Amino acid sequence: MDWDDIKILFEIYPKKQIKKVWKEKLCPLGQYFGRMNILYASVLFDVKNPDRYIRVQRNKHIRNITNADKRVVY
């Protein structure tokens, strides 16, 4: 995805919605999108400490996945 595509994305959708999808879908991917996530966090979403923010989001995602298994009733 290039910057022109990103610009169009922000014209179509609200920033809050884009950030929500980014947090849910890309942040948990860790190293695979590491540098790109740091760039997005700092440039597009004005995150003050992108490394920490991404790590926290990834850990939340992992906790949600592991706790989902515990909530299943057979």
N, C-alpha and C. Protein backbone atom coordinates (compact mmCIF):
# COMPACT_ATOMS: atom_id res chain seq x y z
N MET A 1 0.85 -1.17 0.00
CA MET A 1 0.00 0.00 0.00
C MET A 1 0.89 1.23 0.00
N ASP A 2 0.63 2.15 -0.88
CA ASP A 2 1.44 3.36 -0.93
C ASP A 2 0.70 4.53 -0.29
N TRP A 3 1.35 5.66 -0.20
CA TRP A 3 0.79 6.81 0.52
C TRP A 3 -0.47 7.36 -0.15
N ASP A 4 -0.55 7.26 -1.46
CA ASP A 4 -1.77 7.72 -2.15
C ASP A 4 -2.97 6.87 -1.74
N ASP A 5 -2.76 5.57 -1.63
CA ASP A 5 -3.83 4.68 -1.18
C ASP A 5 -4.25 5.00 0.26
N ILE A 6 -3.27 5.26 1.09
CA ILE A 6 -3.56 5.59 2.49
C ILE A 6 -4.34 6.90 2.57
N LYS A 7 -3.96 7.87 1.77
CA LYS A 7 -4.66 9.15 1.75
C LYS A 7 -6.12 8.95 1.35
N ILE A 8 -6.37 8.13 0.34
CA ILE A 8 -7.74 7.84 -0.08
C ILE A 8 -8.50 7.12 1.02
N LEU A 9 -7.84 6.19 1.70
CA LEU A 9 -8.46 5.47 2.81
C LEU A 9 -8.96 6.44 3.88
N PHE A 10 -8.14 7.44 4.21
CA PHE A 10 -8.52 8.41 5.23
C PHE A 10 -9.60 9.37 4.73
N GLU A 11 -9.74 9.50 3.43
CA GLU A 11 -10.83 10.31 2.89
C GLU A 11 -12.16 9.56 2.93
N ILE A 12 -12.10 8.25 2.83
CA ILE A 12 -13.31 7.43 2.80
C ILE A 12 -13.81 7.11 4.21
N TYR A 13 -12.89 6.74 5.10
CA TYR A 13 -13.26 6.29 6.45
C TYR A 13 -12.74 7.25 7.51
N PRO A 14 -13.43 7.32 8.64
CA PRO A 14 -12.92 8.15 9.74
C PRO A 14 -11.64 7.55 10.35
N LYS A 15 -10.78 8.42 10.82
CA LYS A 15 -9.50 8.01 11.40
C LYS A 15 -9.70 7.00 12.54
N LYS A 16 -10.71 7.22 13.35
CA LYS A 16 -10.98 6.34 14.49
C LYS A 16 -11.27 4.91 14.03
N GLN A 17 -12.01 4.77 12.96
CA GLN A 17 -12.34 3.45 12.44
C GLN A 17 -11.12 2.77 11.83
N ILE A 18 -10.30 3.52 11.13
CA ILE A 18 -9.08 2.96 10.54
C ILE A 18 -8.14 2.49 11.64
N LYS A 19 -8.00 3.29 12.68
CA LYS A 19 -7.11 2.92 13.79
C LYS A 19 -7.62 1.65 14.48
N LYS A 20 -8.92 1.53 14.64
CA LYS A 20 -9.49 0.35 15.28
C LYS A 20 -9.15 -0.92 14.49
N VAL A 21 -9.32 -0.87 13.19
CA VAL A 21 -9.01 -2.02 12.34
C VAL A 21 -7.51 -2.31 12.37
N TRP A 22 -6.71 -1.28 12.31
CA TRP A 22 -5.25 -1.45 12.38
C TRP A 22 -4.86 -2.15 13.68
N LYS A 23 -5.42 -1.70 14.82
CA LYS A 23 -5.10 -2.31 16.11
C LYS A 23 -5.52 -3.78 16.16
N GLU A 24 -6.67 -4.10 15.57
CA GLU A 24 -7.18 -5.46 15.65
C GLU A 24 -6.52 -6.41 14.66
N LYS A 25 -6.14 -5.91 13.50
CA LYS A 25 -5.66 -6.80 12.44
C LYS A 25 -4.15 -6.77 12.22
N LEU A 26 -3.52 -5.61 12.27
CA LEU A 26 -2.09 -5.52 11.94
C LEU A 26 -1.18 -5.55 13.16
N CYS A 27 -1.55 -4.89 14.23
CA CYS A 27 -0.69 -4.88 15.42
C CYS A 27 -0.38 -6.28 15.94
N PRO A 28 -1.35 -7.17 15.99
CA PRO A 28 -1.05 -8.51 16.51
C PRO A 28 -0.09 -9.32 15.66
N LEU A 29 0.20 -8.91 14.45
CA LEU A 29 1.07 -9.69 13.57
C LEU A 29 2.54 -9.57 13.92
N GLY A 30 2.86 -8.72 14.87
CA GLY A 30 4.22 -8.64 15.41
C GLY A 30 5.29 -8.32 14.39
N GLN A 31 6.32 -9.15 14.36
CA GLN A 31 7.51 -8.90 13.55
C GLN A 31 7.21 -8.81 12.05
N TYR A 32 6.18 -9.50 11.60
CA TYR A 32 5.88 -9.52 10.18
C TYR A 32 5.63 -8.12 9.63
N PHE A 33 4.93 -7.29 10.41
CA PHE A 33 4.65 -5.92 10.00
C PHE A 33 5.30 -4.92 10.96
N GLY A 34 6.38 -5.31 11.61
CA GLY A 34 7.01 -4.51 12.65
C GLY A 34 7.31 -3.07 12.27
N ARG A 35 8.13 -2.88 11.27
CA ARG A 35 8.53 -1.51 10.88
C ARG A 35 7.35 -0.72 10.32
N MET A 36 6.49 -1.40 9.58
CA MET A 36 5.33 -0.72 9.02
C MET A 36 4.40 -0.27 10.15
N ASN A 37 4.18 -1.11 11.15
CA ASN A 37 3.33 -0.74 12.28
C ASN A 37 3.89 0.46 13.04
N ILE A 38 5.19 0.49 13.22
CA ILE A 38 5.81 1.62 13.91
C ILE A 38 5.61 2.90 13.10
N LEU A 39 5.78 2.81 11.81
CA LEU A 39 5.56 3.96 10.94
C LEU A 39 4.11 4.43 11.01
N TYR A 40 3.18 3.50 10.86
CA TYR A 40 1.76 3.86 10.93
C TYR A 40 1.41 4.49 12.27
N ALA A 41 1.89 3.87 13.35
CA ALA A 41 1.57 4.36 14.68
C ALA A 41 2.05 5.80 14.87
N SER A 42 3.27 6.06 14.48
CA SER A 42 3.84 7.39 14.72
C SER A 42 3.34 8.44 13.73
N VAL A 43 3.23 8.09 12.46
CA VAL A 43 2.87 9.09 11.44
C VAL A 43 1.36 9.25 11.31
N LEU A 44 0.64 8.15 11.20
CA LEU A 44 -0.80 8.24 10.93
C LEU A 44 -1.65 8.43 12.17
N PHE A 45 -1.22 7.84 13.29
CA PHE A 45 -2.06 7.85 14.49
C PHE A 45 -1.46 8.62 15.66
N ASP A 46 -0.36 9.31 15.46
CA ASP A 46 0.26 10.18 16.47
C ASP A 46 0.51 9.47 17.81
N VAL A 47 0.93 8.23 17.76
CA VAL A 47 1.24 7.48 18.97
C VAL A 47 2.61 7.94 19.47
N LYS A 48 2.69 8.28 20.74
CA LYS A 48 3.92 8.83 21.31
C LYS A 48 5.04 7.80 21.43
N ASN A 49 4.72 6.59 21.85
CA ASN A 49 5.72 5.54 21.99
C ASN A 49 5.24 4.32 21.19
N PRO A 50 5.48 4.29 19.88
CA PRO A 50 4.91 3.26 19.03
C PRO A 50 5.32 1.82 19.39
N ASP A 51 6.57 1.62 19.78
CA ASP A 51 7.02 0.26 20.13
C ASP A 51 6.19 -0.28 21.29
N ARG A 52 6.07 0.50 22.32
CA ARG A 52 5.33 0.08 23.50
C ARG A 52 3.85 -0.11 23.17
N TYR A 53 3.28 0.83 22.45
CA TYR A 53 1.87 0.77 22.09
C TYR A 53 1.56 -0.52 21.31
N ILE A 54 2.38 -0.83 20.34
CA ILE A 54 2.17 -2.03 19.52
C ILE A 54 2.33 -3.29 20.36
N ARG A 55 3.32 -3.31 21.24
CA ARG A 55 3.53 -4.45 22.12
C ARG A 55 2.31 -4.68 23.02
N VAL A 56 1.76 -3.60 23.57
CA VAL A 56 0.58 -3.70 24.43
C VAL A 56 -0.62 -4.23 23.63
N GLN A 57 -0.81 -3.73 22.42
CA GLN A 57 -1.92 -4.20 21.59
C GLN A 57 -1.77 -5.68 21.23
N ARG A 58 -0.55 -6.09 20.92
CA ARG A 58 -0.29 -7.49 20.60
C ARG A 58 -0.57 -8.37 21.81
N ASN A 59 -0.15 -7.93 23.00
CA ASN A 59 -0.39 -8.72 24.22
C ASN A 59 -1.88 -8.81 24.53
N LYS A 60 -2.63 -7.72 24.32
CA LYS A 60 -4.08 -7.77 24.51
C LYS A 60 -4.71 -8.79 23.58
N HIS A 61 -4.26 -8.80 22.36
CA HIS A 61 -4.80 -9.75 21.38
C HIS A 61 -4.52 -11.19 21.82
N ILE A 62 -3.32 -11.45 22.29
CA ILE A 62 -2.96 -12.80 22.74
C ILE A 62 -3.80 -13.20 23.94
N ARG A 63 -3.98 -12.28 24.89
CA ARG A 63 -4.82 -12.58 26.05
C ARG A 63 -6.25 -12.88 25.64
N ASN A 64 -6.78 -12.11 24.69
CA ASN A 64 -8.15 -12.34 24.23
C ASN A 64 -8.29 -13.72 23.59
N ILE A 65 -7.31 -14.11 22.82
CA ILE A 65 -7.36 -15.42 22.17
C ILE A 65 -7.29 -16.54 23.20
N THR A 66 -6.37 -16.44 24.14
CA THR A 66 -6.21 -17.51 25.13
C THR A 66 -7.39 -17.56 26.08
N ASN A 67 -7.98 -16.43 26.42
CA ASN A 67 -9.15 -16.42 27.29
C ASN A 67 -10.39 -16.89 26.57
N ALA A 68 -10.45 -16.74 25.26
CA ALA A 68 -11.62 -17.21 24.50
C ALA A 68 -11.75 -18.72 24.63
N ASP A 69 -10.63 -19.43 24.66
CA ASP A 69 -10.68 -20.89 24.82
C ASP A 69 -11.26 -21.29 26.17
N LYS A 70 -11.01 -20.50 27.20
CA LYS A 70 -11.50 -20.80 28.53
C LYS A 70 -13.00 -20.55 28.66
N ARG A 71 -13.55 -19.68 27.82
CA ARG A 71 -14.96 -19.32 27.92
C ARG A 71 -15.87 -20.31 27.20
N VAL A 72 -15.30 -21.19 26.40
CA VAL A 72 -16.10 -22.15 25.66
C VAL A 72 -16.64 -23.20 26.62
N VAL A 73 -17.96 -23.40 26.57
CA VAL A 73 -18.61 -24.40 27.43
C VAL A 73 -19.04 -25.56 26.57
N TYR A 74 -18.67 -26.76 26.99
CA TYR A 74 -19.03 -27.96 26.22
C TYR A 74 -20.21 -28.64 26.82
